[in-house]
Each structure stands twice: as C-alpha cells, then as structure tokens.
PDB file of N, CA and C in Angstrom:
ATOM      1  N   MET A   1     263.762  87.452  57.364  1.00  0.00           N
ATOM      2  CA  MET A   1     261.824  87.716  56.749  1.00  0.00           C
ATOM      3  C   MET A   1     262.909  86.533  55.691  1.00  0.00           C
ATOM      4  N   PRO A   2     261.392  86.166  55.403  1.00  0.00           N
ATOM      5  CA  PRO A   2     261.404  85.205  54.202  1.00  0.00           C
ATOM      6  C   PRO A   2     262.010  85.758  52.834  1.00  0.00           C
ATOM      7  N   SER A   3     262.289  85.090  51.965  1.00  0.00           N
ATOM      8  CA  SER A   3     262.960  85.680  50.120  1.00  0.00           C
ATOM      9  C   SER A   3     261.658  85.712  49.532  1.00  0.00           C
ATOM     10  N   TYR A   4     260.277  84.884  50.123  1.00  0.00           N
ATOM     11  CA  TYR A   4     259.371  84.806  48.841  1.00  0.00           C
ATOM     12  C   TYR A   4     258.015  85.708  49.649  1.00  0.00           C
ATOM     13  N   PHE A   5     256.841  85.186  49.117  1.00  0.00           N
ATOM     14  CA  PHE A   5     255.542  85.765  49.060  1.00  0.00           C
ATOM     15  C   PHE A   5     254.446  84.646  48.487  1.00  0.00           C
ATOM     16  N   TYR A   6     253.686  84.824  48.807  1.00  0.00           N
ATOM     17  CA  TYR A   6     252.575  83.814  48.256  1.00  0.00           C
ATOM     18  C   TYR A   6     251.415  84.822  48.217  1.00  0.00           C
ATOM     19  N   VAL A   7     250.944  84.025  46.494  1.00  0.00           N
ATOM     20  CA  VAL A   7     249.605  84.986  45.826  1.00  0.00           C
ATOM     21  C   VAL A   7     248.837  83.641  46.090  1.00  0.00           C
ATOM     22  N   TYR A   8     247.260  84.305  46.315  1.00  0.00           N
ATOM     23  CA  TYR A   8     246.190  83.441  46.144  1.00  0.00           C
ATOM     24  C   TYR A   8     245.616  84.177  44.998  1.00  0.00           C
ATOM     25  N   PRO A   9     244.987  83.495  44.316  1.00  0.00           N
ATOM     26  CA  PRO A   9     243.347  83.707  43.147  1.00  0.00           C
ATOM     27  C   PRO A   9     242.878  84.700  43.405  1.00  0.00           C
ATOM     28  N   SER A  10     242.335  84.898  44.980  1.00  0.00           N
ATOM     29  CA  SER A  10     241.225  86.355  45.781  1.00  0.00           C
ATOM     30  C   SER A  10     242.223  87.584  45.534  1.00  0.00           C
ATOM     31  N   TYR A  11     243.549  87.381  45.503  1.00  0.00           N
ATOM     32  CA  TYR A  11     244.097  88.807  45.668  1.00  0.00           C
ATOM     33  C   TYR A  11     243.769  89.556  44.544  1.00  0.00           C
ATOM     34  N   LEU A  12     243.832  88.999  43.217  1.00  0.00           N
ATOM     35  CA  LEU A  12     243.485  89.488  41.977  1.00  0.00           C
ATOM     36  C   LEU A  12     241.929  89.700  41.527  1.00  0.00           C
ATOM     37  N   LYS A  13     240.965  89.115  41.929  1.00  0.00           N
ATOM     38  CA  LYS A  13     239.963  88.614  41.321  1.00  0.00           C
ATOM     39  C   LYS A  13     238.879  90.330  41.663  1.00  0.00           C
ATOM     40  N   LYS A  14     238.269  90.462  40.831  1.00  0.00           N
ATOM     41  CA  LYS A  14     237.692  91.874  40.150  1.00  0.00           C
ATOM     42  C   LYS A  14     236.044  91.101  41.182  1.00  0.00           C
ATOM     43  N   ALA A  15     235.785  89.789  41.687  1.00  0.00           N
ATOM     44  CA  ALA A  15     234.155  89.759  41.916  1.00  0.00           C
ATOM     45  C   ALA A  15     234.618  89.579  43.573  1.00  0.00           C
ATOM     46  N   ALA A  16     235.766  89.398  43.829  1.00  0.00           N
ATOM     47  CA  ALA A  16     236.169  89.740  45.378  1.00  0.00           C
ATOM     48  C   ALA A  16     236.111  90.653  46.158  1.00  0.00           C
ATOM     49  N   PRO A  17     235.323  91.376  47.014  1.00  0.00           N
ATOM     50  CA  PRO A  17     235.203  92.690  47.453  1.00  0.00           C
ATOM     51  C   PRO A  17     236.653  92.946  48.330  1.00  0.00           C
ATOM     52  N   ARG A  18     237.079  93.353  48.468  1.00  0.00           N
ATOM     53  CA  ARG A  18     238.564  93.990  49.772  1.00  0.00           C
ATOM     54  C   ARG A  18     238.056  92.966  50.592  1.00  0.00           C
ATOM     55  N   ALA A  19     237.136  92.676  51.636  1.00  0.00           N
ATOM     56  CA  ALA A  19     236.903  92.128  52.557  1.00  0.00           C
ATOM     57  C   ALA A  19     237.164  90.863  52.381  1.00  0.00           C
ATOM     58  N   GLU A  20     236.742  90.378  51.349  1.00  0.00           N
ATOM     59  CA  GLU A  20     236.696  88.572  51.114  1.00  0.00           C
ATOM     60  C   GLU A  20     238.306  88.540  50.307  1.00  0.00           C
ATOM     61  N   GLY A  21     239.179  89.246  50.071  1.00  0.00           N
ATOM     62  CA  GLY A  21     240.918  89.467  49.786  1.00  0.00           C
ATOM     63  C   GLY A  21     241.542  90.078  48.640  1.00  0.00           C
ATOM     64  N   ARG A  22     240.342  90.695  48.070  1.00  0.00           N
ATOM     65  CA  ARG A  22     240.400  91.637  46.964  1.00  0.00           C
ATOM     66  C   ARG A  22     242.398  92.650  47.580  1.00  0.00           C
ATOM     67  N   ARG A  23     243.289  91.974  46.857  1.00  0.00           N
ATOM     68  CA  ARG A  23     244.675  93.130  47.057  1.00  0.00           C
ATOM     69  C   ARG A  23     245.135  94.211  46.645  1.00  0.00           C
ATOM     70  N   ILE A  24     243.869  94.323  45.204  1.00  0.00           N
ATOM     71  CA  ILE A  24     244.655  95.727  43.859  1.00  0.00           C
ATOM     72  C   ILE A  24     243.564  96.452  43.734  1.00  0.00           C
ATOM     73  N   PRO A  25     243.403  97.020  43.585  1.00  0.00           N
ATOM     74  CA  PRO A  25     242.398  98.305  43.210  1.00  0.00           C
ATOM     75  C   PRO A  25     241.352  97.828  42.235  1.00  0.00           C
ATOM     76  N   LEU A  26     239.891  98.274  42.827  1.00  0.00           N
ATOM     77  CA  LEU A  26     238.992  97.478  41.382  1.00  0.00           C
ATOM     78  C   LEU A  26     239.689  97.747  40.045  1.00  0.00           C
ATOM     79  N   PRO A  27     239.996  98.674  39.837  1.00  0.00           N
ATOM     80  CA  PRO A  27     239.994  99.201  38.292  1.00  0.00           C
ATOM     81  C   PRO A  27     241.316  97.811  38.013  1.00  0.00           C
ATOM     82  N   SER A  28     242.294  97.684  38.507  1.00  0.00           N
ATOM     83  CA  SER A  28     243.364  96.697  38.041  1.00  0.00           C
ATOM     84  C   SER A  28     242.825  95.645  38.242  1.00  0.00           C
ATOM     85  N   ALA A  29     241.941  94.755  38.417  1.00  0.00           N
ATOM     86  CA  ALA A  29     241.498  93.852  39.397  1.00  0.00           C
ATOM     87  C   ALA A  29     241.063  92.840  38.110  1.00  0.00           C
ATOM     88  N   VAL A  30     241.099  91.498  38.000  1.00  0.00           N
ATOM     89  CA  VAL A  30     241.421  90.639  36.979  1.00  0.00           C
ATOM     90  C   VAL A  30     239.738  90.021  37.163  1.00  0.00           C
ATOM     91  N   THR A  31     239.479  89.631  35.620  1.00  0.00           N
ATOM     92  CA  THR A  31     237.776  88.916  35.591  1.00  0.00           C
ATOM     93  C   THR A  31     238.153  88.019  35.203  1.00  0.00           C
ATOM     94  N   GLY A  32     237.681  86.769  34.663  1.00  0.00           N
ATOM     95  CA  GLY A  32     237.780  85.468  33.918  1.00  0.00           C
ATOM     96  C   GLY A  32     238.875  84.031  34.814  1.00  0.00           C
ATOM     97  N   ASN A  33     238.989  83.358  34.553  1.00  0.00           N
ATOM     98  CA  ASN A  33     240.364  82.294  34.845  1.00  0.00           C
ATOM     99  C   ASN A  33     241.392  82.742  35.679  1.00  0.00           C
ATOM    100  N   LEU A  34     240.869  82.800  36.783  1.00  0.00           N
ATOM    101  CA  LEU A  34     242.753  82.581  37.794  1.00  0.00           C
ATOM    102  C   LEU A  34     242.948  81.569  38.102  1.00  0.00           C
ATOM    103  N   GLU A  35     243.171  80.353  37.422  1.00  0.00           N
ATOM    104  CA  GLU A  35     243.553  78.914  38.276  1.00  0.00           C
ATOM    105  C   GLU A  35     245.323  79.274  38.225  1.00  0.00           C
ATOM    106  N   PRO A  36     245.594  78.530  39.499  1.00  0.00           N
ATOM    107  CA  PRO A  36     247.003  78.830  39.802  1.00  0.00           C
ATOM    108  C   PRO A  36     248.088  78.304  38.378  1.00  0.00           C
ATOM    109  N   PRO A  37     247.451  77.576  37.629  1.00  0.00           N
ATOM    110  CA  PRO A  37     248.308  77.710  36.296  1.00  0.00           C
ATOM    111  C   PRO A  37     248.588  78.482  35.341  1.00  0.00           C
ATOM    112  N   ARG A  38     247.313  79.508  35.399  1.00  0.00           N
ATOM    113  CA  ARG A  38     247.412  80.975  34.486  1.00  0.00           C
ATOM    114  C   ARG A  38     248.678  81.319  35.082  1.00  0.00           C
ATOM    115  N   LEU A  39     248.364  81.486  36.845  1.00  0.00           N
ATOM    116  CA  LEU A  39     249.053  82.157  37.556  1.00  0.00           C
ATOM    117  C   LEU A  39     250.688  82.213  37.016  1.00  0.00           C
ATOM    118  N   LEU A  40     250.822  80.693  37.827  1.00  0.00           N
ATOM    119  CA  LEU A  40     252.134  80.206  37.284  1.00  0.00           C
ATOM    120  C   LEU A  40     252.757  80.782  35.623  1.00  0.00           C
ATOM    121  N   ALA A  41     252.096  80.378  34.625  1.00  0.00           N
ATOM    122  CA  ALA A  41     252.553  81.452  33.659  1.00  0.00           C
ATOM    123  C   ALA A  41     252.640  82.730  33.353  1.00  0.00           C
ATOM    124  N   ALA A  42     251.911  83.531  34.249  1.00  0.00           N
ATOM    125  CA  ALA A  42     252.067  84.770  34.156  1.00  0.00           C
ATOM    126  C   ALA A  42     253.470  85.743  34.667  1.00  0.00           C
ATOM    127  N   CYS A  43     253.815  84.926  36.274  1.00  0.00           N
ATOM    128  CA  CYS A  43     255.029  84.729  37.093  1.00  0.00           C
ATOM    129  C   CYS A  43     255.874  84.613  36.324  1.00  0.00           C
ATOM    130  N   LYS A  44     255.950  83.682  35.514  1.00  0.00           N
ATOM    131  CA  LYS A  44     257.198  82.936  34.571  1.00  0.00           C
ATOM    132  C   LYS A  44     257.392  84.331  33.766  1.00  0.00           C
ATOM    133  N   ALA A  45     256.531  84.726  32.719  1.00  0.00           N
ATOM    134  CA  ALA A  45     256.341  85.733  31.909  1.00  0.00           C
ATOM    135  C   ALA A  45     257.113  87.337  32.242  1.00  0.00           C
ATOM    136  N   LEU A  46     256.700  87.491  33.610  1.00  0.00           N
ATOM    137  CA  LEU A  46     257.483  88.133  34.226  1.00  0.00           C
ATOM    138  C   LEU A  46     258.247  88.642  34.816  1.00  0.00           C
ATOM    139  N   GLY A  47     259.369  86.940  34.391  1.00  0.00           N
ATOM    140  CA  GLY A  47     260.335  86.751  34.578  1.00  0.00           C
ATOM    141  C   GLY A  47     261.057  86.181  36.405  1.00  0.00           C
ATOM    142  N   TYR A  48     259.252  86.094  37.308  1.00  0.00           N
ATOM    143  CA  TYR A  48     260.119  85.669  38.332  1.00  0.00           C
ATOM    144  C   TYR A  48     259.974  84.407  38.664  1.00  0.00           C
ATOM    145  N   GLU A  49     260.425  83.689  39.156  1.00  0.00           N
ATOM    146  CA  GLU A  49     260.448  82.502  39.825  1.00  0.00           C
ATOM    147  C   GLU A  49     259.268  82.281  40.701  1.00  0.00           C
ATOM    148  N   ALA A  50     258.377  80.904  40.343  1.00  0.00           N
ATOM    149  CA  ALA A  50     257.254  80.557  40.992  1.00  0.00           C
ATOM    150  C   ALA A  50     257.204  79.197  41.183  1.00  0.00           C
ATOM    151  N   GLU A  51     256.584  78.602  41.872  1.00  0.00           N
ATOM    152  CA  GLU A  51     255.862  77.264  42.544  1.00  0.00           C
ATOM    153  C   GLU A  51     254.574  77.187  42.766  1.00  0.00           C
ATOM    154  N   LEU A  52     253.863  76.272  42.135  1.00  0.00           N
ATOM    155  CA  LEU A  52     252.698  75.936  42.687  1.00  0.00           C
ATOM    156  C   LEU A  52     252.580  75.280  44.422  1.00  0.00           C
ATOM    157  N   GLU A  53     251.522  75.401  44.686  1.00  0.00           N
ATOM    158  CA  GLU A  53     251.162  74.645  46.094  1.00  0.00           C
ATOM    159  C   GLU A  53     249.700  74.611  46.637  1.00  0.00           C
ATOM    160  N   GLU A  54     249.550  73.594  46.484  1.00  0.00           N
ATOM    161  CA  GLU A  54     248.408  72.821  47.098  1.00  0.00           C
ATOM    162  C   GLU A  54     247.853  73.157  48.590  1.00  0.00           C
ATOM    163  N   ARG A  55     247.026  74.528  48.367  1.00  0.00           N
ATOM    164  CA  ARG A  55     246.534  75.315  50.235  1.00  0.00           C
ATOM    165  C   ARG A  55     245.407  75.930  49.657  1.00  0.00           C
ATOM    166  N   HIS A  56     244.997  76.301  50.585  1.00  0.00           N
ATOM    167  CA  HIS A  56     243.206  76.631  51.086  1.00  0.00           C
ATOM    168  C   HIS A  56     243.946  78.051  51.387  1.00  0.00           C
ATOM    169  N   TYR A  57     242.955  79.025  50.895  1.00  0.00           N
ATOM    170  CA  TYR A  57     243.085  80.561  51.356  1.00  0.00           C
ATOM    171  C   TYR A  57     242.481  80.049  52.420  1.00  0.00           C
ATOM    172  N   PRO A  58     243.118  80.902  53.777  1.00  0.00           N
ATOM    173  CA  PRO A  58     242.383  81.144  54.952  1.00  0.00           C
ATOM    174  C   PRO A  58     241.118  81.559  54.770  1.00  0.00           C
ATOM    175  N   ARG A  59     240.386  82.830  54.031  1.00  0.00           N
ATOM    176  CA  ARG A  59     239.275  83.101  54.029  1.00  0.00           C
ATOM    177  C   ARG A  59     238.123  82.809  53.155  1.00  0.00           C
ATOM    178  N   GLU A  60     238.943  81.469  52.798  1.00  0.00           N
ATOM    179  CA  GLU A  60     238.229  80.293  51.694  1.00  0.00           C
ATOM    180  C   GLU A  60     238.542  79.279  51.889  1.00  0.00           C
ATOM    181  N   ALA A  61     238.085  79.182  53.095  1.00  0.00           N
ATOM    182  CA  ALA A  61     238.785  77.680  53.446  1.00  0.00           C
ATOM    183  C   ALA A  61     238.061  75.979  52.329  1.00  0.00           C
ATOM    184  N   TRP A  62     237.061  76.517  52.341  1.00  0.00           N
ATOM    185  CA  TRP A  62     236.338  75.208  51.887  1.00  0.00           C
ATOM    186  C   TRP A  62     236.446  74.867  50.238  1.00  0.00           C
ATOM    187  N   ARG A  63     237.034  76.408  49.727  1.00  0.00           N
ATOM    188  CA  ARG A  63     237.500  76.367  48.261  1.00  0.00           C
ATOM    189  C   ARG A  63     238.834  75.992  48.134  1.00  0.00           C
ATOM    190  N   ASN A  64     239.528  75.366  47.455  1.00  0.00           N
ATOM    191  CA  ASN A  64     240.359  74.332  46.599  1.00  0.00           C
ATOM    192  C   ASN A  64     241.393  75.332  45.622  1.00  0.00           C
ATOM    193  N   GLU A  65     241.687  76.156  45.470  1.00  0.00           N
ATOM    194  CA  GLU A  65     242.049  76.758  44.421  1.00  0.00           C
ATOM    195  C   GLU A  65     243.497  77.150  44.613  1.00  0.00           C
ATOM    196  N   GLY A  66     244.248  76.683  45.522  1.00  0.00           N
ATOM    197  CA  GLY A  66     245.935  76.793  45.747  1.00  0.00           C
ATOM    198  C   GLY A  66     246.640  77.894  45.548  1.00  0.00           C
ATOM    199  N   ARG A  67     247.974  78.092  45.275  1.00  0.00           N
ATOM    200  CA  ARG A  67     248.322  79.168  45.763  1.00  0.00           C
ATOM    201  C   ARG A  67     249.798  79.359  44.778  1.00  0.00           C
ATOM    202  N   LEU A  68     250.451  80.332  44.918  1.00  0.00           N
ATOM    203  CA  LEU A  68     251.835  80.595  44.333  1.00  0.00           C
ATOM    204  C   LEU A  68     252.665  80.910  45.280  1.00  0.00           C
ATOM    205  N   LYS A  69     253.933  80.296  45.349  1.00  0.00           N
ATOM    206  CA  LYS A  69     254.447  80.491  45.743  1.00  0.00           C
ATOM    207  C   LYS A  69     256.001  81.545  45.082  1.00  0.00           C
ATOM    208  N   VAL A  70     256.667  82.363  45.279  1.00  0.00           N
ATOM    209  CA  VAL A  70     256.895  83.701  44.389  1.00  0.00           C
ATOM    210  C   VAL A  70     257.969  83.903  45.219  1.00  0.00           C
ATOM    211  N   THR A  71     259.352  83.997  44.355  1.00  0.00           N
ATOM    212  CA  THR A  71     260.588  84.598  45.063  1.00  0.00           C
ATOM    213  C   THR A  71     260.559  85.710  44.973  1.00  0.00           C
ATOM    214  N   LYS A  72     260.821  86.517  45.755  1.00  0.00           N
ATOM    215  CA  LYS A  72     260.825  88.271  45.931  1.00  0.00           C
ATOM    216  C   LYS A  72     262.379  88.858  44.835  1.00  0.00           C
ATOM    217  N   ARG A  73     262.119  89.885  44.887  1.00  0.00           N
ATOM    218  CA  ARG A  73     262.958  90.560  44.072  1.00  0.00           C
ATOM    219  C   ARG A  73     263.545  91.690  44.616  1.00  0.00           C
ATOM    220  N   GLU A  74     264.431  92.377  44.843  1.00  0.00           N
ATOM    221  CA  GLU A  74     264.940  93.303  46.030  1.00  0.00           C
ATOM    222  C   GLU A  74     264.446  94.580  45.099  1.00  0.00           C
ATOM    223  N   GLY A  75     263.674  95.203  45.950  1.00  0.00           N
ATOM    224  CA  GLY A  75     263.412  96.641  45.947  1.00  0.00           C
ATOM    225  C   GLY A  75     261.854  96.312  45.445  1.00  0.00           C
ATOM    226  N   VAL A  76     261.274  95.631  44.796  1.00  0.00           N
ATOM    227  CA  VAL A  76     259.653  95.184  44.255  1.00  0.00           C
ATOM    228  C   VAL A  76     258.934  94.489  45.584  1.00  0.00           C
ATOM    229  N   THR A  77     257.836  95.297  46.090  1.00  0.00           N
ATOM    230  CA  THR A  77     257.329  94.973  46.833  1.00  0.00           C
ATOM    231  C   THR A  77     256.057  94.276  46.221  1.00  0.00           C
ATOM    232  N   LYS A  78     255.049  93.531  47.847  1.00  0.00           N
ATOM    233  CA  LYS A  78     253.656  92.837  46.881  1.00  0.00           C
ATOM    234  C   LYS A  78     253.229  93.043  46.820  1.00  0.00           C
ATOM    235  N   GLN A  79     252.723  94.164  46.636  1.00  0.00           N
ATOM    236  CA  GLN A  79     251.797  95.175  45.847  1.00  0.00           C
ATOM    237  C   GLN A  79     252.311  95.674  44.614  1.00  0.00           C
ATOM    238  N   GLU A  80     253.026  95.818  44.459  1.00  0.00           N
ATOM    239  CA  GLU A  80     254.094  95.934  43.049  1.00  0.00           C
ATOM    240  C   GLU A  80     253.712  94.938  42.151  1.00  0.00           C
ATOM    241  N   PHE A  81     254.513  93.866  42.844  1.00  0.00           N
ATOM    242  CA  PHE A  81     254.219  92.932  41.806  1.00  0.00           C
ATOM    243  C   PHE A  81     252.738  92.655  41.630  1.00  0.00           C
ATOM    244  N   LEU A  82     251.634  92.581  42.579  1.00  0.00           N
ATOM    245  CA  LEU A  82     250.418  92.043  42.335  1.00  0.00           C
ATOM    246  C   LEU A  82     249.918  93.407  41.032  1.00  0.00           C
ATOM    247  N   ARG A  83     250.166  93.960  41.373  1.00  0.00           N
ATOM    248  CA  ARG A  83     249.823  95.084  40.013  1.00  0.00           C
ATOM    249  C   ARG A  83     250.419  94.590  38.454  1.00  0.00           C
ATOM    250  N   ALA A  84     251.483  94.188  38.692  1.00  0.00           N
ATOM    251  CA  ALA A  84     251.985  93.834  37.501  1.00  0.00           C
ATOM    252  C   ALA A  84     251.700  92.161  36.932  1.00  0.00           C
ATOM    253  N   LEU A  85     251.424  91.656  38.629  1.00  0.00           N
ATOM    254  CA  LEU A  85     251.011  90.129  37.672  1.00  0.00           C
ATOM    255  C   LEU A  85     249.243  90.541  37.217  1.00  0.00           C
ATOM    256  N   ALA A  86     248.532  91.443  37.869  1.00  0.00           N
ATOM    257  CA  ALA A  86     247.336  91.520  36.650  1.00  0.00           C
ATOM    258  C   ALA A  86     247.313  91.912  35.520  1.00  0.00           C
ATOM    259  N   ARG A  87     248.395  93.286  35.435  1.00  0.00           N
ATOM    260  CA  ARG A  87     248.601  94.120  34.327  1.00  0.00           C
ATOM    261  C   ARG A  87     248.685  92.790  33.157  1.00  0.00           C
ATOM    262  N   GLU A  88     249.773  91.668  33.511  1.00  0.00           N
ATOM    263  CA  GLU A  88     249.953  90.729  33.141  1.00  0.00           C
ATOM    264  C   GLU A  88     248.302  89.550  32.373  1.00  0.00           C
ATOM    265  N   LEU A  89     248.171  89.558  32.972  1.00  0.00           N
ATOM    266  CA  LEU A  89     246.908  88.643  33.197  1.00  0.00           C
ATOM    267  C   LEU A  89     246.189  89.192  32.132  1.00  0.00           C
ATOM    268  N   GLN A  90     246.346  90.474  32.329  1.00  0.00           N
ATOM    269  CA  GLN A  90     245.194  91.107  31.664  1.00  0.00           C
ATOM    270  C   GLN A  90     245.349  91.286  30.043  1.00  0.00           C
ATOM    271  N   ARG A  91     246.463  91.312  29.824  1.00  0.00           N
ATOM    272  CA  ARG A  91     247.371  91.357  28.335  1.00  0.00           C
ATOM    273  C   ARG A  91     247.102  90.111  27.873  1.00  0.00           C
ATOM    274  N   THR A  92     247.269  89.244  28.444  1.00  0.00           N
ATOM    275  CA  THR A  92     247.256  88.016  27.729  1.00  0.00           C
ATOM    276  C   THR A  92     246.162  87.221  27.566  1.00  0.00           C
ATOM    277  N   SER A  93     245.222  88.114  28.636  1.00  0.00           N
ATOM    278  CA  SER A  93     243.898  87.545  28.293  1.00  0.00           C
ATOM    279  C   SER A  93     242.743  88.326  27.224  1.00  0.00           C
ATOM    280  N   GLY A  94     243.647  89.418  26.792  1.00  0.00           N
ATOM    281  CA  GLY A  94     243.115  90.604  25.722  1.00  0.00           C
ATOM    282  C   GLY A  94     241.924  91.372  26.118  1.00  0.00           C
ATOM    283  N   ALA A  95     242.081  91.255  27.612  1.00  0.00           N
ATOM    284  CA  ALA A  95     241.094  92.654  28.313  1.00  0.00           C
ATOM    285  C   ALA A  95     242.087  93.506  28.382  1.00  0.00           C
ATOM    286  N   PRO A  96     241.094  94.948  27.939  1.00  0.00           N
ATOM    287  CA  PRO A  96     242.140  96.168  28.300  1.00  0.00           C
ATOM    288  C   PRO A  96     242.368  96.488  29.601  1.00  0.00           C
ATOM    289  N   SER A  97     243.976  96.655  29.393  1.00  0.00           N
ATOM    290  CA  SER A  97     244.664  96.914  30.686  1.00  0.00           C
ATOM    291  C   SER A  97     244.144  98.373  30.985  1.00  0.00           C
ATOM    292  N   PRO A  98     244.100  98.145  32.581  1.00  0.00           N
ATOM    293  CA  PRO A  98     244.103  99.521  33.459  1.00  0.00           C
ATOM    294  C   PRO A  98     244.840 100.880  33.276  1.00  0.00           C
ATOM    295  N   GLU A  99     244.443 101.523  32.874  1.00  0.00           N
ATOM    296  CA  GLU A  99     245.630 103.202  32.694  1.00  0.00           C
ATOM    297  C   GLU A  99     246.699 103.127  33.516  1.00  0.00           C
ATOM    298  N   ARG A 100     246.706 102.810  34.930  1.00  0.00           N
ATOM    299  CA  ARG A 100     248.046 102.455  35.848  1.00  0.00           C
ATOM    300  C   ARG A 100     248.660 101.562  35.787  1.00  0.00           C
TER     301      ARG A 100
END
C-alpha cells in the first residue's frame, strides 16, 4: 500500500458536483482560488509533507490544474485529511468555516 495519496483541486471545489470529482460534503467545500501552490501551502500549514506534480485529473483531462502528492499519516484517512485541508483553506481565505 502506498505511503501517500493524491489530491486534485476538484476534490475540494464547491462548484463541482460529486459527479465531477468533489469528494467532500458541499458545506465543507471551498470557493475561490484552488491553485496547487495554495493547496501546498495549506498542507504544509497542517504539518504534512507534500509536493506538486504536473498531472491532469482524469475526469478533467483538458485542464492542467496539477495535483499534490501528500505523505500519509498513520490513523488519518484521506477523507479526514481532505476535510482538514478544506477547513485550512477556508481559514486562510477568511471565509466562514463550516460547523463540522
């Protein structure tokens, strides 16, 4: 089992329905700039090791948004990480944080 997972910006976009790749609940999703460098900064603020990769999200192969390769932590699921990342992105953008 790999010791990392990938994060595409579409996983966190409020504008993207689940069918287009959003992986977190709509109230937790993020609006605004989801450029990979901003995602990388949020990962680092959470204390994760991450690196940018120039890859296409398979569902949106025409877009070159890139992705993050994030080193896993024991006991933290990808879903938990994505929700924490969304909270961090909302906190740094000044947007109100979801209740959950």
